[in-house]
C-alpha atoms as a PDB file:
ATOM      1  CA  MET A   1     140.430  96.260 259.388  1.00  0.00           C
ATOM      2  CA  GLN A   2     138.289  97.632 262.445  1.00  0.00           C
ATOM      3  CA  ILE A   3     136.851 100.867 261.848  1.00  0.00           C
ATOM      4  CA  PRO A   4     137.334 102.491 265.052  1.00  0.00           C
ATOM      5  CA  MET A   5     133.836 103.905 267.220  1.00  0.00           C
ATOM      6  CA  GLY A   6     132.990 106.623 268.881  1.00  0.00           C
ATOM      7  CA  PRO A   7     131.077 105.794 272.397  1.00  0.00           C
ATOM      8  CA  VAL A   8     126.973 105.435 271.358  1.00  0.00           C
ATOM      9  CA  VAL A   9     124.913 108.334 272.873  1.00  0.00           C
ATOM     10  CA  LYS A  10     121.807 107.382 273.704  1.00  0.00           C
ATOM     11  CA  PRO A  11     119.218 110.170 273.162  1.00  0.00           C
ATOM     12  CA  ARG A  12     116.864 111.200 276.422  1.00  0.00           C
ATOM     13  CA  THR A  13     114.473 112.568 274.464  1.00  0.00           C
ATOM     14  CA  MET A  14     112.588 111.494 270.959  1.00  0.00           C
ATOM     15  CA  VAL A  15     109.838 113.249 268.889  1.00  0.00           C
ATOM     16  CA  ALA A  16     108.535 112.475 265.208  1.00  0.00           C
ATOM     17  CA  GLY A  17     106.882 115.120 263.482  1.00  0.00           C
ATOM     18  CA  THR A  18     105.898 115.688 259.662  1.00  0.00           C
ATOM     19  CA  ASN A  19     106.488 118.907 257.501  1.00  0.00           C
ATOM     20  CA  VAL A  20     102.373 119.487 256.200  1.00  0.00           C
ATOM     21  CA  LYS A  21     103.841 121.187 253.364  1.00  0.00           C
ATOM     22  CA  THR A  22     106.433 118.414 251.799  1.00  0.00           C
ATOM     23  CA  GLY A  23     104.886 115.590 253.368  1.00  0.00           C
ATOM     24  CA  LYS A  24     108.615 114.355 254.599  1.00  0.00           C
ATOM     25  CA  THR A  25     108.553 112.839 258.001  1.00  0.00           C
ATOM     26  CA  ASP A  26     111.657 111.929 260.566  1.00  0.00           C
ATOM     27  CA  VAL A  27     112.700 111.439 264.036  1.00  0.00           C
ATOM     28  CA  GLY A  28     114.907 113.900 266.096  1.00  0.00           C
ATOM     29  CA  GLN A  29     116.597 113.418 268.944  1.00  0.00           C
ATOM     30  CA  SER A  30     118.444 115.399 272.189  1.00  0.00           C
ATOM     31  CA  VAL A  31     121.649 115.586 272.792  1.00  0.00           C
ATOM     32  CA  SER A  32     122.733 116.437 276.904  1.00  0.00           C
ATOM     33  CA  GLY A  33     121.183 119.721 277.663  1.00  0.00           C
ATOM     34  CA  CYS A  34     117.960 121.867 276.887  1.00  0.00           C
ATOM     35  CA  GLY A  35     117.775 124.662 273.925  1.00  0.00           C
ATOM     36  CA  SER A  36     119.320 125.622 270.841  1.00  0.00           C
ATOM     37  CA  ARG A  37     119.932 122.350 268.745  1.00  0.00           C
ATOM     38  CA  ARG A  38     120.187 120.143 272.029  1.00  0.00           C
ATOM     39  CA  CYS A  39     116.732 119.506 271.883  1.00  0.00           C
ATOM     40  CA  ALA A  40     114.759 116.412 270.076  1.00  0.00           C
ATOM     41  CA  GLU A  41     112.117 118.774 268.491  1.00  0.00           C
ATOM     42  CA  PRO A  42     114.706 121.544 266.582  1.00  0.00           C
ATOM     43  CA  ASP A  43     116.769 118.290 265.834  1.00  0.00           C
ATOM     44  CA  MET A  44     113.807 116.858 263.785  1.00  0.00           C
ATOM     45  CA  ALA A  45     112.710 120.074 262.877  1.00  0.00           C
ATOM     46  CA  ALA A  46     116.457 120.945 260.971  1.00  0.00           C
ATOM     47  CA  GLN A  47     116.214 117.230 259.432  1.00  0.00           C
ATOM     48  CA  LEU A  48     112.708 118.528 257.749  1.00  0.00           C
ATOM     49  CA  GLY A  49     114.121 121.720 256.797  1.00  0.00           C
ATOM     50  CA  GLY A  50     111.367 124.734 255.335  1.00  0.00           C
ATOM     51  CA  ASP A  51     109.380 126.188 257.646  1.00  0.00           C
ATOM     52  CA  ASP A  52     109.442 125.601 261.256  1.00  0.00           C
ATOM     53  CA  ALA A  53     105.641 126.506 261.549  1.00  0.00           C
ATOM     54  CA  ASP A  54     105.073 123.817 258.851  1.00  0.00           C
ATOM     55  CA  ILE A  55     106.086 120.635 261.654  1.00  0.00           C
ATOM     56  CA  VAL A  56     103.626 119.060 263.453  1.00  0.00           C
ATOM     57  CA  PHE A  57     105.412 116.835 265.862  1.00  0.00           C
ATOM     58  CA  THR A  58     104.278 114.284 268.538  1.00  0.00           C
ATOM     59  CA  ASN A  59     104.577 114.526 272.138  1.00  0.00           C
ATOM     60  CA  PRO A  60     108.394 113.909 273.125  1.00  0.00           C
ATOM     61  CA  VAL A  61     108.455 110.811 274.807  1.00  0.00           C
ATOM     62  CA  ARG A  62     111.682 109.373 276.861  1.00  0.00           C
ATOM     63  CA  PRO A  63     113.011 106.364 274.909  1.00  0.00           C
ATOM     64  CA  LYS A  64     114.290 104.424 278.367  1.00  0.00           C
ATOM     65  CA  SER A  65     110.559 104.113 279.965  1.00  0.00           C
ATOM     66  CA  GLY A  66     108.780 105.140 276.661  1.00  0.00           C
ATOM     67  CA  LYS A  67     106.939 107.654 279.037  1.00  0.00           C
ATOM     68  CA  LEU A  68     105.370 110.778 277.320  1.00  0.00           C
ATOM     69  CA  ILE A  69     107.189 114.295 278.875  1.00  0.00           C
ATOM     70  CA  ASN A  70     106.210 117.583 278.656  1.00  0.00           C
ATOM     71  CA  VAL A  71     107.438 119.885 275.861  1.00  0.00           C
ATOM     72  CA  CYS A  72     110.448 121.901 277.579  1.00  0.00           C
ATOM     73  CA  ILE A  73     110.279 125.681 278.030  1.00  0.00           C
ATOM     74  CA  GLU A  74     113.085 126.751 275.429  1.00  0.00           C
ATOM     75  CA  CYS A  75     110.637 124.521 272.725  1.00  0.00           C
ATOM     76  CA  GLN A  76     107.638 126.430 273.822  1.00  0.00           C
ATOM     77  CA  LYS A  77     108.908 129.401 273.209  1.00  0.00           C
ATOM     78  CA  LYS A  78     110.134 128.282 269.532  1.00  0.00           C
ATOM     79  CA  PHE A  79     107.362 126.111 268.510  1.00  0.00           C
ATOM     80  CA  SER A  80     103.267 126.850 268.668  1.00  0.00           C
ATOM     81  CA  ARG A  81     101.339 124.576 271.400  1.00  0.00           C
ATOM     82  CA  SER A  82      99.527 123.975 268.383  1.00  0.00           C
ATOM     83  CA  GLN A  83     102.046 122.169 266.772  1.00  0.00           C
ATOM     84  CA  PHE A  84     101.857 119.198 269.339  1.00  0.00           C
ATOM     85  CA  PRO A  85      98.899 117.239 269.794  1.00  0.00           C
ATOM     86  CA  LYS A  86      96.802 117.194 273.105  1.00  0.00           C
ATOM     87  CA  ASN A  87      96.469 113.969 275.091  1.00  0.00           C
ATOM     88  CA  LYS A  88      93.403 112.571 276.794  1.00  0.00           C
ATOM     89  CA  PRO A  89      93.960 111.481 279.872  1.00  0.00           C
ATOM     90  CA  ASN A  90      97.474 112.697 280.277  1.00  0.00           C
ATOM     91  CA  GLY A  91      96.640 116.549 279.559  1.00  0.00           C
ATOM     92  CA  ASP A  92      98.412 119.050 277.533  1.00  0.00           C
ATOM     93  CA  ARG A  93     102.087 118.421 276.934  1.00  0.00           C
ATOM     94  CA  PHE A  94     102.620 122.393 277.463  1.00  0.00           C
ATOM     95  CA  ILE A  95     103.578 123.729 280.940  1.00  0.00           C
END
């Protein structure tokens, strides 16, 4: 018996993170669009649970190219700058 599979949704953005209070680590991925639970950061935060302020993130990356991208405006409103690393020489990923 074959189990029908739906279409594979490839994430546009991925981010990893850790809840510093629990030590739990996970990876989040975006769904088309920006904001709410569509971004990789809120997806990862939901998987980790707990207080969003206890999470530290990697910089967002495009999985297809491996390029680091800026944190989107919606996630800049939701999360603190201190929750993301500052990249040198690439600069701060906050706009």
